[in-house]
Amino acid sequence: IEIELSPPSNTSTNTDVIRRVIDRNKGAERGRGVAASTYFVNGVTTNLKTVQKLVSEKYKIAIDNLCTFLPQDRVGSFSAFDSKQLLQETEKSVSGTQ
């Protein structure tokens, strides 16, 4: 998964490319039952905390609040979803598909 973020136009900083590589097999080997992720910012390996800090401080995006990315007409039903439904509905909302 890769996303390029551009800072507000009134700043002189460059865009940032954030990439997450999910290795389903790697997570299973460690017995966590979920995929292990590797994060990159502008091609440099980093950790999740660094990505969260960059996105929240530089871009003012609350990535820990998934409702930020949902259309308002879908927020009400969002709290009733299980984890699989959360992922599916979030993907639909971000991609704009139904």
C-alpha atoms as a PDB file:
ATOM      1  CA  ILE A   1       0.000   0.000   0.000  1.00  0.00           C
ATOM      2  CA  GLU A   2       1.506   3.335  -0.985  1.00  0.00           C
ATOM      3  CA  ILE A   3       0.316   6.892  -0.574  1.00  0.00           C
ATOM      4  CA  GLU A   4       1.905  10.228  -1.426  1.00  0.00           C
ATOM      5  CA  LEU A   5       1.035  13.138   0.847  1.00  0.00           C
ATOM      6  CA  SER A   6       1.547  16.766  -0.102  1.00  0.00           C
ATOM      7  CA  PRO A   7       1.963  19.399   2.591  1.00  0.00           C
ATOM      8  CA  PRO A   8      -0.164  22.551   2.579  1.00  0.00           C
ATOM      9  CA  SER A   9       0.742  24.867  -0.293  1.00  0.00           C
ATOM     10  CA  ASN A  10       1.989  27.556   2.095  1.00  0.00           C
ATOM     11  CA  THR A  11       4.941  25.395   3.209  1.00  0.00           C
ATOM     12  CA  SER A  12       8.192  24.793   1.411  1.00  0.00           C
ATOM     13  CA  THR A  13       8.572  21.125   2.421  1.00  0.00           C
ATOM     14  CA  ASN A  14       8.477  18.244  -0.054  1.00  0.00           C
ATOM     15  CA  THR A  15       5.852  15.555  -0.419  1.00  0.00           C
ATOM     16  CA  ASP A  16       6.224  12.305   1.504  1.00  0.00           C
ATOM     17  CA  VAL A  17       5.682   8.820   0.105  1.00  0.00           C
ATOM     18  CA  ILE A  18       4.535   6.357   2.750  1.00  0.00           C
ATOM     19  CA  ARG A  19       4.524   2.664   1.922  1.00  0.00           C
ATOM     20  CA  ARG A  20       3.365  -0.322   3.965  1.00  0.00           C
ATOM     21  CA  VAL A  21       4.335  -3.845   2.955  1.00  0.00           C
ATOM     22  CA  ILE A  22       2.209  -6.541   4.590  1.00  0.00           C
ATOM     23  CA  ASP A  23       3.735 -10.004   4.798  1.00  0.00           C
ATOM     24  CA  ARG A  24       1.019 -12.436   5.822  1.00  0.00           C
ATOM     25  CA  ASN A  25       3.443 -15.342   6.187  1.00  0.00           C
ATOM     26  CA  LYS A  26       5.889 -13.424   8.359  1.00  0.00           C
ATOM     27  CA  GLY A  27       3.204 -12.620  10.925  1.00  0.00           C
ATOM     28  CA  ALA A  28       2.040 -16.249  11.093  1.00  0.00           C
ATOM     29  CA  GLU A  29       5.599 -17.482  11.772  1.00  0.00           C
ATOM     30  CA  ARG A  30       5.787 -15.348  14.866  1.00  0.00           C
ATOM     31  CA  GLY A  31       2.509 -16.737  16.140  1.00  0.00           C
ATOM     32  CA  ARG A  32       0.727 -13.386  16.154  1.00  0.00           C
ATOM     33  CA  GLY A  33      -1.973 -14.581  13.806  1.00  0.00           C
ATOM     34  CA  VAL A  34      -1.857 -11.333  11.831  1.00  0.00           C
ATOM     35  CA  ALA A  35       0.360 -10.134   9.039  1.00  0.00           C
ATOM     36  CA  ALA A  36       3.614  -8.394   9.879  1.00  0.00           C
ATOM     37  CA  SER A  37       4.135  -4.985   8.318  1.00  0.00           C
ATOM     38  CA  THR A  38       7.191  -3.093   7.165  1.00  0.00           C
ATOM     39  CA  TYR A  39       6.873   0.684   6.809  1.00  0.00           C
ATOM     40  CA  PHE A  40       8.816   3.036   4.545  1.00  0.00           C
ATOM     41  CA  VAL A  41       8.883   6.834   4.392  1.00  0.00           C
ATOM     42  CA  ASN A  42      10.473   8.165   1.209  1.00  0.00           C
ATOM     43  CA  GLY A  43      12.105   4.785   0.611  1.00  0.00           C
ATOM     44  CA  VAL A  44      13.666   4.496   4.075  1.00  0.00           C
ATOM     45  CA  THR A  45      12.541   1.707   6.417  1.00  0.00           C
ATOM     46  CA  THR A  46      10.880   3.036   9.560  1.00  0.00           C
ATOM     47  CA  ASN A  47       8.389   1.970  12.219  1.00  0.00           C
ATOM     48  CA  LEU A  48       4.679   2.606  12.698  1.00  0.00           C
ATOM     49  CA  LYS A  49       5.194   5.210  15.431  1.00  0.00           C
ATOM     50  CA  THR A  50       7.348   7.310  13.115  1.00  0.00           C
ATOM     51  CA  VAL A  51       4.710   7.139  10.362  1.00  0.00           C
ATOM     52  CA  GLN A  52       1.965   8.095  12.818  1.00  0.00           C
ATOM     53  CA  LYS A  53       4.001  11.021  14.136  1.00  0.00           C
ATOM     54  CA  LEU A  54       4.783  12.314  10.631  1.00  0.00           C
ATOM     55  CA  VAL A  55       1.168  12.101   9.486  1.00  0.00           C
ATOM     56  CA  SER A  56      -0.291  13.663  12.622  1.00  0.00           C
ATOM     57  CA  GLU A  57       2.257  16.456  13.085  1.00  0.00           C
ATOM     58  CA  LYS A  58       3.083  17.466   9.523  1.00  0.00           C
ATOM     59  CA  TYR A  59      -0.243  16.763   7.826  1.00  0.00           C
ATOM     60  CA  LYS A  60      -2.616  17.111  10.802  1.00  0.00           C
ATOM     61  CA  ILE A  61      -4.396  13.829   9.952  1.00  0.00           C
ATOM     62  CA  ALA A  62      -5.811  11.784  12.839  1.00  0.00           C
ATOM     63  CA  ILE A  63      -5.093   8.335  11.403  1.00  0.00           C
ATOM     64  CA  ASP A  64      -6.142   6.570  14.596  1.00  0.00           C
ATOM     65  CA  ASN A  65      -9.710   7.800  13.983  1.00  0.00           C
ATOM     66  CA  LEU A  66     -11.048   5.847  11.002  1.00  0.00           C
ATOM     67  CA  CYS A  67     -14.210   7.940  10.995  1.00  0.00           C
ATOM     68  CA  THR A  68     -12.053  10.744   9.568  1.00  0.00           C
ATOM     69  CA  PHE A  69     -12.059   8.868   6.253  1.00  0.00           C
ATOM     70  CA  LEU A  70     -15.750   7.920   6.178  1.00  0.00           C
ATOM     71  CA  PRO A  71     -18.559   9.820   4.516  1.00  0.00           C
ATOM     72  CA  GLN A  72     -20.783  11.228   7.256  1.00  0.00           C
ATOM     73  CA  ASP A  73     -23.786   9.137   6.216  1.00  0.00           C
ATOM     74  CA  ARG A  74     -21.825   5.956   7.069  1.00  0.00           C
ATOM     75  CA  VAL A  75     -20.319   6.962  10.415  1.00  0.00           C
ATOM     76  CA  GLY A  76     -23.377   5.916  12.447  1.00  0.00           C
ATOM     77  CA  SER A  77     -23.238   2.268  11.398  1.00  0.00           C
ATOM     78  CA  PHE A  78     -19.442   2.075  11.620  1.00  0.00           C
ATOM     79  CA  SER A  79     -19.352   1.330  15.363  1.00  0.00           C
ATOM     80  CA  ALA A  80     -21.416  -1.871  14.932  1.00  0.00           C
ATOM     81  CA  PHE A  81     -18.956  -3.548  12.535  1.00  0.00           C
ATOM     82  CA  ASP A  82     -16.569  -6.365  13.475  1.00  0.00           C
ATOM     83  CA  SER A  83     -12.897  -6.062  12.441  1.00  0.00           C
ATOM     84  CA  LYS A  84     -13.437  -7.673   9.017  1.00  0.00           C
ATOM     85  CA  GLN A  85     -16.383  -5.399   8.241  1.00  0.00           C
ATOM     86  CA  LEU A  86     -14.377  -2.367   9.455  1.00  0.00           C
ATOM     87  CA  LEU A  87     -11.631  -3.128   6.948  1.00  0.00           C
ATOM     88  CA  GLN A  88     -14.076  -3.750   4.094  1.00  0.00           C
ATOM     89  CA  GLU A  89     -16.115  -0.624   4.762  1.00  0.00           C
ATOM     90  CA  THR A  90     -13.007   1.514   5.208  1.00  0.00           C
ATOM     91  CA  GLU A  91     -11.629   0.277   1.876  1.00  0.00           C
ATOM     92  CA  LYS A  92     -14.960   1.037   0.193  1.00  0.00           C
ATOM     93  CA  SER A  93     -15.049   4.526   1.661  1.00  0.00           C
ATOM     94  CA  VAL A  94     -11.497   5.371   0.691  1.00  0.00           C
ATOM     95  CA  SER A  95     -11.840   3.973  -2.838  1.00  0.00           C
ATOM     96  CA  GLY A  96     -15.287   5.478  -3.402  1.00  0.00           C
ATOM     97  CA  THR A  97     -16.890   2.157  -4.414  1.00  0.00           C
ATOM     98  CA  GLN A  98     -20.155   0.807  -3.068  1.00  0.00           C
END
